[in-house]
PDB file of N, CA and C in Angstrom:
ATOM      1  N   MET A   1      38.830  36.439-126.469  1.00  0.00           N
ATOM      2  CA  MET A   1      37.631  37.501-126.105  1.00  0.00           C
ATOM      3  C   MET A   1      36.614  36.710-125.862  1.00  0.00           C
ATOM      4  N   VAL A   2      36.304  37.675-124.404  1.00  0.00           N
ATOM      5  CA  VAL A   2      34.947  36.731-123.685  1.00  0.00           C
ATOM      6  C   VAL A   2      34.074  37.575-123.915  1.00  0.00           C
ATOM      7  N   ASN A   3      32.895  36.626-124.425  1.00  0.00           N
ATOM      8  CA  ASN A   3      31.551  36.826-124.364  1.00  0.00           C
ATOM      9  C   ASN A   3      30.439  37.076-124.301  1.00  0.00           C
ATOM     10  N   GLU A   4      30.923  36.102-123.051  1.00  0.00           N
ATOM     11  CA  GLU A   4      30.103  35.789-121.841  1.00  0.00           C
ATOM     12  C   GLU A   4      30.063  34.963-120.760  1.00  0.00           C
ATOM     13  N   VAL A   5      29.809  35.814-119.128  1.00  0.00           N
ATOM     14  CA  VAL A   5      29.887  35.254-118.381  1.00  0.00           C
ATOM     15  C   VAL A   5      29.250  34.321-117.773  1.00  0.00           C
ATOM     16  N   LEU A   6      28.935  33.324-117.856  1.00  0.00           N
ATOM     17  CA  LEU A   6      28.068  32.554-116.869  1.00  0.00           C
ATOM     18  C   LEU A   6      27.857  32.276-115.446  1.00  0.00           C
ATOM     19  N   GLU A   7      26.823  32.014-114.812  1.00  0.00           N
ATOM     20  CA  GLU A   7      26.257  32.342-113.377  1.00  0.00           C
ATOM     21  C   GLU A   7      26.055  30.850-112.496  1.00  0.00           C
ATOM     22  N   THR A   8      25.618  30.458-113.432  1.00  0.00           N
ATOM     23  CA  THR A   8      25.196  28.920-112.795  1.00  0.00           C
ATOM     24  C   THR A   8      25.771  27.718-112.829  1.00  0.00           C
ATOM     25  N   THR A   9      25.841  26.608-112.871  1.00  0.00           N
ATOM     26  CA  THR A   9      26.343  25.049-112.612  1.00  0.00           C
ATOM     27  C   THR A   9      25.458  24.905-114.330  1.00  0.00           C
ATOM     28  N   GLU A  10      24.290  25.008-114.194  1.00  0.00           N
ATOM     29  CA  GLU A  10      23.477  24.622-114.836  1.00  0.00           C
ATOM     30  C   GLU A  10      23.972  25.106-116.422  1.00  0.00           C
ATOM     31  N   GLN A  11      24.480  26.578-116.853  1.00  0.00           N
ATOM     32  CA  GLN A  11      24.524  27.728-117.987  1.00  0.00           C
ATOM     33  C   GLN A  11      26.147  26.654-118.514  1.00  0.00           C
ATOM     34  N   VAL A  12      26.797  26.379-117.429  1.00  0.00           N
ATOM     35  CA  VAL A  12      27.797  25.977-117.442  1.00  0.00           C
ATOM     36  C   VAL A  12      28.334  24.954-118.168  1.00  0.00           C
ATOM     37  N   VAL A  13      27.191  24.284-117.643  1.00  0.00           N
ATOM     38  CA  VAL A  13      27.131  22.399-118.252  1.00  0.00           C
ATOM     39  C   VAL A  13      26.762  22.801-120.089  1.00  0.00           C
ATOM     40  N   LYS A  14      25.102  22.939-119.837  1.00  0.00           N
ATOM     41  CA  LYS A  14      24.941  23.655-121.179  1.00  0.00           C
ATOM     42  C   LYS A  14      25.786  24.838-121.924  1.00  0.00           C
ATOM     43  N   ALA A  15      26.826  25.614-122.313  1.00  0.00           N
ATOM     44  CA  ALA A  15      27.729  25.685-122.595  1.00  0.00           C
ATOM     45  C   ALA A  15      28.142  24.688-122.996  1.00  0.00           C
ATOM     46  N   VAL A  16      28.952  24.167-122.387  1.00  0.00           N
ATOM     47  CA  VAL A  16      29.977  22.587-122.889  1.00  0.00           C
ATOM     48  C   VAL A  16      29.558  21.686-123.873  1.00  0.00           C
ATOM     49  N   GLY A  17      28.549  21.661-123.632  1.00  0.00           N
ATOM     50  CA  GLY A  17      27.771  20.320-124.962  1.00  0.00           C
ATOM     51  C   GLY A  17      26.164  20.090-123.888  1.00  0.00           C
ATOM     52  N   GLY A  18      26.494  19.974-122.698  1.00  0.00           N
ATOM     53  CA  GLY A  18      25.431  19.317-121.615  1.00  0.00           C
ATOM     54  C   GLY A  18      25.943  18.101-121.230  1.00  0.00           C
ATOM     55  N   PRO A  19      24.834  17.559-120.531  1.00  0.00           N
ATOM     56  CA  PRO A  19      25.380  16.708-119.976  1.00  0.00           C
ATOM     57  C   PRO A  19      26.744  15.337-119.995  1.00  0.00           C
ATOM     58  N   ALA A  20      26.070  15.220-120.827  1.00  0.00           N
ATOM     59  CA  ALA A  20      27.201  13.716-121.912  1.00  0.00           C
ATOM     60  C   ALA A  20      28.725  14.204-122.107  1.00  0.00           C
ATOM     61  N   LYS A  21      28.328  15.667-122.901  1.00  0.00           N
ATOM     62  CA  LYS A  21      29.616  16.332-122.844  1.00  0.00           C
ATOM     63  C   LYS A  21      30.512  17.002-122.019  1.00  0.00           C
ATOM     64  N   ALA A  22      29.583  17.077-120.617  1.00  0.00           N
ATOM     65  CA  ALA A  22      30.397  17.691-119.391  1.00  0.00           C
ATOM     66  C   ALA A  22      31.369  16.488-118.845  1.00  0.00           C
ATOM     67  N   ALA A  23      30.111  15.393-118.728  1.00  0.00           N
ATOM     68  CA  ALA A  23      30.719  14.176-118.462  1.00  0.00           C
ATOM     69  C   ALA A  23      32.151  14.170-119.352  1.00  0.00           C
ATOM     70  N   GLU A  24      32.398  13.847-120.434  1.00  0.00           N
ATOM     71  CA  GLU A  24      33.645  13.270-121.194  1.00  0.00           C
ATOM     72  C   GLU A  24      34.726  14.261-121.162  1.00  0.00           C
ATOM     73  N   ILE A  25      34.459  15.393-121.038  1.00  0.00           N
ATOM     74  CA  ILE A  25      35.924  16.656-120.106  1.00  0.00           C
ATOM     75  C   ILE A  25      35.713  16.191-119.072  1.00  0.00           C
ATOM     76  N   THR A  26      35.657  15.909-118.258  1.00  0.00           N
ATOM     77  CA  THR A  26      35.571  15.593-116.865  1.00  0.00           C
ATOM     78  C   THR A  26      36.192  14.247-116.466  1.00  0.00           C
ATOM     79  N   GLY A  27      35.790  13.590-117.176  1.00  0.00           N
ATOM     80  CA  GLY A  27      36.265  12.250-116.968  1.00  0.00           C
ATOM     81  C   GLY A  27      35.089  11.616-116.050  1.00  0.00           C
ATOM     82  N   ARG A  28      33.475  12.184-115.682  1.00  0.00           N
ATOM     83  CA  ARG A  28      32.997  11.231-114.581  1.00  0.00           C
ATOM     84  C   ARG A  28      31.433  10.721-115.205  1.00  0.00           C
ATOM     85  N   LYS A  29      30.701   9.926-114.453  1.00  0.00           N
ATOM     86  CA  LYS A  29      29.559   9.840-115.467  1.00  0.00           C
ATOM     87  C   LYS A  29      28.807  10.994-116.002  1.00  0.00           C
ATOM     88  N   TYR A  30      27.785  10.045-116.505  1.00  0.00           N
ATOM     89  CA  TYR A  30      26.164  11.060-117.167  1.00  0.00           C
ATOM     90  C   TYR A  30      25.858  11.282-115.901  1.00  0.00           C
ATOM     91  N   SER A  31      25.169  10.451-115.558  1.00  0.00           N
ATOM     92  CA  SER A  31      24.562  10.899-113.417  1.00  0.00           C
ATOM     93  C   SER A  31      25.404  12.148-113.129  1.00  0.00           C
ATOM     94  N   ALA A  32      26.360  12.404-112.945  1.00  0.00           N
ATOM     95  CA  ALA A  32      27.442  12.895-111.712  1.00  0.00           C
ATOM     96  C   ALA A  32      27.729  14.489-112.882  1.00  0.00           C
ATOM     97  N   ALA A  33      27.700  14.203-113.973  1.00  0.00           N
ATOM     98  CA  ALA A  33      27.461  15.550-114.846  1.00  0.00           C
ATOM     99  C   ALA A  33      25.963  16.361-114.832  1.00  0.00           C
ATOM    100  N   TRP A  34      25.022  15.947-115.162  1.00  0.00           N
ATOM    101  CA  TRP A  34      22.822  15.822-114.833  1.00  0.00           C
ATOM    102  C   TRP A  34      23.310  16.909-113.939  1.00  0.00           C
ATOM    103  N   ASN A  35      23.847  15.720-112.529  1.00  0.00           N
ATOM    104  CA  ASN A  35      23.365  16.256-111.113  1.00  0.00           C
ATOM    105  C   ASN A  35      24.438  17.965-111.000  1.00  0.00           C
ATOM    106  N   TRP A  36      25.091  18.117-111.640  1.00  0.00           N
ATOM    107  CA  TRP A  36      25.300  19.453-111.106  1.00  0.00           C
ATOM    108  C   TRP A  36      24.629  20.615-111.517  1.00  0.00           C
ATOM    109  N   THR A  37      23.640  19.908-112.790  1.00  0.00           N
ATOM    110  CA  THR A  37      23.107  21.607-113.119  1.00  0.00           C
ATOM    111  C   THR A  37      21.307  21.762-111.505  1.00  0.00           C
ATOM    112  N   LYS A  38      21.980  20.684-110.835  1.00  0.00           N
ATOM    113  CA  LYS A  38      20.511  21.485-109.881  1.00  0.00           C
ATOM    114  C   LYS A  38      21.543  21.268-108.557  1.00  0.00           C
ATOM    115  N   ARG A  39      22.246  21.654-109.040  1.00  0.00           N
ATOM    116  CA  ARG A  39      23.650  21.861-107.236  1.00  0.00           C
ATOM    117  C   ARG A  39      24.323  23.261-108.067  1.00  0.00           C
ATOM    118  N   ASP A  40      24.850  23.789-106.943  1.00  0.00           N
ATOM    119  CA  ASP A  40      25.161  25.805-106.398  1.00  0.00           C
ATOM    120  C   ASP A  40      26.750  25.790-106.925  1.00  0.00           C
ATOM    121  N   HIS A  41      27.428  24.486-107.146  1.00  0.00           N
ATOM    122  CA  HIS A  41      28.729  24.368-106.982  1.00  0.00           C
ATOM    123  C   HIS A  41      29.508  23.214-108.027  1.00  0.00           C
ATOM    124  N   PHE A  42      30.442  23.044-108.943  1.00  0.00           N
ATOM    125  CA  PHE A  42      31.092  21.699-108.897  1.00  0.00           C
ATOM    126  C   PHE A  42      32.039  21.136-108.276  1.00  0.00           C
ATOM    127  N   PRO A  43      32.237  19.713-108.110  1.00  0.00           N
ATOM    128  CA  PRO A  43      33.958  19.204-107.816  1.00  0.00           C
ATOM    129  C   PRO A  43      34.839  20.336-108.013  1.00  0.00           C
ATOM    130  N   PRO A  44      35.637  20.770-106.558  1.00  0.00           N
ATOM    131  CA  PRO A  44      36.631  21.498-107.069  1.00  0.00           C
ATOM    132  C   PRO A  44      37.807  20.962-108.150  1.00  0.00           C
ATOM    133  N   ASN A  45      37.788  19.736-108.602  1.00  0.00           N
ATOM    134  CA  ASN A  45      38.683  18.179-109.435  1.00  0.00           C
ATOM    135  C   ASN A  45      38.130  18.530-110.415  1.00  0.00           C
ATOM    136  N   THR A  46      37.019  19.374-110.829  1.00  0.00           N
ATOM    137  CA  THR A  46      36.514  19.703-112.637  1.00  0.00           C
ATOM    138  C   THR A  46      37.251  21.171-112.814  1.00  0.00           C
ATOM    139  N   TYR A  47      37.190  21.808-112.062  1.00  0.00           N
ATOM    140  CA  TYR A  47      37.784  23.467-112.702  1.00  0.00           C
ATOM    141  C   TYR A  47      38.298  23.359-113.944  1.00  0.00           C
ATOM    142  N   LEU A  48      39.725  22.665-113.390  1.00  0.00           N
ATOM    143  CA  LEU A  48      40.854  22.896-114.533  1.00  0.00           C
ATOM    144  C   LEU A  48      40.194  22.769-116.239  1.00  0.00           C
ATOM    145  N   SER A  49      39.393  20.997-116.057  1.00  0.00           N
ATOM    146  CA  SER A  49      38.922  20.772-117.460  1.00  0.00           C
ATOM    147  C   SER A  49      37.457  21.763-118.034  1.00  0.00           C
ATOM    148  N   LEU A  50      36.505  22.088-117.331  1.00  0.00           N
ATOM    149  CA  LEU A  50      35.705  22.464-117.156  1.00  0.00           C
ATOM    150  C   LEU A  50      35.697  24.173-117.893  1.00  0.00           C
ATOM    151  N   LYS A  51      36.965  25.106-116.861  1.00  0.00           N
ATOM    152  CA  LYS A  51      37.699  25.825-117.342  1.00  0.00           C
ATOM    153  C   LYS A  51      37.930  26.146-119.209  1.00  0.00           C
ATOM    154  N   ALA A  52      38.792  25.167-119.070  1.00  0.00           N
ATOM    155  CA  ALA A  52      39.706  24.824-120.677  1.00  0.00           C
ATOM    156  C   ALA A  52      38.464  24.899-121.655  1.00  0.00           C
ATOM    157  N   ALA A  53      37.416  24.206-121.364  1.00  0.00           N
ATOM    158  CA  ALA A  53      36.506  23.774-122.460  1.00  0.00           C
ATOM    159  C   ALA A  53      35.708  24.903-122.264  1.00  0.00           C
ATOM    160  N   LEU A  54      34.967  26.043-121.170  1.00  0.00           N
ATOM    161  CA  LEU A  54      34.845  27.403-121.636  1.00  0.00           C
ATOM    162  C   LEU A  54      35.399  28.174-122.487  1.00  0.00           C
ATOM    163  N   ASP A  55      37.118  28.246-122.252  1.00  0.00           N
ATOM    164  CA  ASP A  55      38.252  29.162-122.800  1.00  0.00           C
ATOM    165  C   ASP A  55      37.938  29.102-124.462  1.00  0.00           C
ATOM    166  N   GLU A  56      37.815  27.754-124.729  1.00  0.00           N
ATOM    167  CA  GLU A  56      37.629  26.982-125.519  1.00  0.00           C
ATOM    168  C   GLU A  56      35.948  28.078-126.939  1.00  0.00           C
ATOM    169  N   ARG A  57      35.472  27.918-125.858  1.00  0.00           N
ATOM    170  CA  ARG A  57      34.161  28.598-126.353  1.00  0.00           C
ATOM    171  C   ARG A  57      34.173  30.091-126.260  1.00  0.00           C
ATOM    172  N   GLY A  58      34.972  30.505-125.606  1.00  0.00           N
ATOM    173  CA  GLY A  58      34.632  32.181-125.489  1.00  0.00           C
ATOM    174  C   GLY A  58      33.910  32.746-124.567  1.00  0.00           C
ATOM    175  N   LYS A  59      33.605  32.186-123.111  1.00  0.00           N
ATOM    176  CA  LYS A  59      32.567  32.023-122.510  1.00  0.00           C
ATOM    177  C   LYS A  59      34.171  31.908-120.748  1.00  0.00           C
ATOM    178  N   GLN A  60      32.748  32.319-120.163  1.00  0.00           N
ATOM    179  CA  GLN A  60      33.482  31.920-118.516  1.00  0.00           C
ATOM    180  C   GLN A  60      32.926  32.122-117.357  1.00  0.00           C
ATOM    181  N   ALA A  61      33.375  31.127-116.546  1.00  0.00           N
ATOM    182  CA  ALA A  61      32.356  31.294-115.424  1.00  0.00           C
ATOM    183  C   ALA A  61      33.185  31.995-114.126  1.00  0.00           C
ATOM    184  N   PRO A  62      32.429  32.180-112.816  1.00  0.00           N
ATOM    185  CA  PRO A  62      33.702  32.328-111.419  1.00  0.00           C
ATOM    186  C   PRO A  62      33.882  31.308-111.076  1.00  0.00           C
ATOM    187  N   ALA A  63      34.993  31.421-110.465  1.00  0.00           N
ATOM    188  CA  ALA A  63      35.587  30.518-109.361  1.00  0.00           C
ATOM    189  C   ALA A  63      35.063  30.036-108.333  1.00  0.00           C
ATOM    190  N   SER A  64      33.923  30.917-108.099  1.00  0.00           N
ATOM    191  CA  SER A  64      33.219  30.471-106.870  1.00  0.00           C
ATOM    192  C   SER A  64      32.176  29.082-107.132  1.00  0.00           C
ATOM    193  N   LEU A  65      31.895  29.097-108.231  1.00  0.00           N
ATOM    194  CA  LEU A  65      31.222  27.687-109.184  1.00  0.00           C
ATOM    195  C   LEU A  65      31.761  26.179-108.136  1.00  0.00           C
ATOM    196  N   TRP A  66      32.953  26.936-108.407  1.00  0.00           N
ATOM    197  CA  TRP A  66      33.714  25.769-107.585  1.00  0.00           C
ATOM    198  C   TRP A  66      34.159  25.574-106.188  1.00  0.00           C
ATOM    199  N   ARG A  67      33.632  27.108-106.008  1.00  0.00           N
ATOM    200  CA  ARG A  67      33.825  27.397-103.816  1.00  0.00           C
ATOM    201  C   ARG A  67      35.229  27.353-103.705  1.00  0.00           C
ATOM    202  N   MET A  68      35.633  27.654-105.482  1.00  0.00           N
ATOM    203  CA  MET A  68      37.103  28.911-104.926  1.00  0.00           C
ATOM    204  C   MET A  68      36.815  30.093-104.745  1.00  0.00           C
ATOM    205  N   GLU A  69      38.265  30.629-103.687  1.00  0.00           N
ATOM    206  CA  GLU A  69      37.621  31.833-104.050  1.00  0.00           C
ATOM    207  C   GLU A  69      38.536  32.834-105.606  1.00  0.00           C
ATOM    208  N   GLU A  70      38.520  34.150-106.160  1.00  0.00           N
ATOM    209  CA  GLU A  70      38.792  34.882-107.062  1.00  0.00           C
ATOM    210  C   GLU A  70      39.972  35.369-106.361  1.00  0.00           C
ATOM    211  N   ALA A  71      41.261  35.524-107.570  1.00  0.00           N
ATOM    212  CA  ALA A  71      42.176  36.202-107.118  1.00  0.00           C
ATOM    213  C   ALA A  71      41.919  37.515-107.532  1.00  0.00           C
ATOM    214  N   ALA A  72      42.982  38.148-106.114  1.00  0.00           N
ATOM    215  CA  ALA A  72      42.612  39.471-105.851  1.00  0.00           C
ATOM    216  C   ALA A  72      42.938  40.583-106.789  1.00  0.00           C
ATOM    217  N   GLN A  73      41.830  41.068-107.352  1.00  0.00           N
ATOM    218  CA  GLN A  73      42.554  42.737-108.243  1.00  0.00           C
ATOM    219  C   GLN A  73      43.645  43.928-107.920  1.00  0.00           C
TER     220      GLN A  73
END
């Protein structure tokens, strides 16, 4: 069950454990993960790894944070 919908890159990074953990999860450098908190989107190729980390924590974020379109409902 999803408890919380996150709306910003900063909220996502915080939810997965901060920039160091986000960097570890995505295989990126700490500085890249820290920079994501100051931007309005993530690189699209980080979607699967960050989404999996959020799923494990019972959280979700819109695909638009990765500049992707949401599936039609």
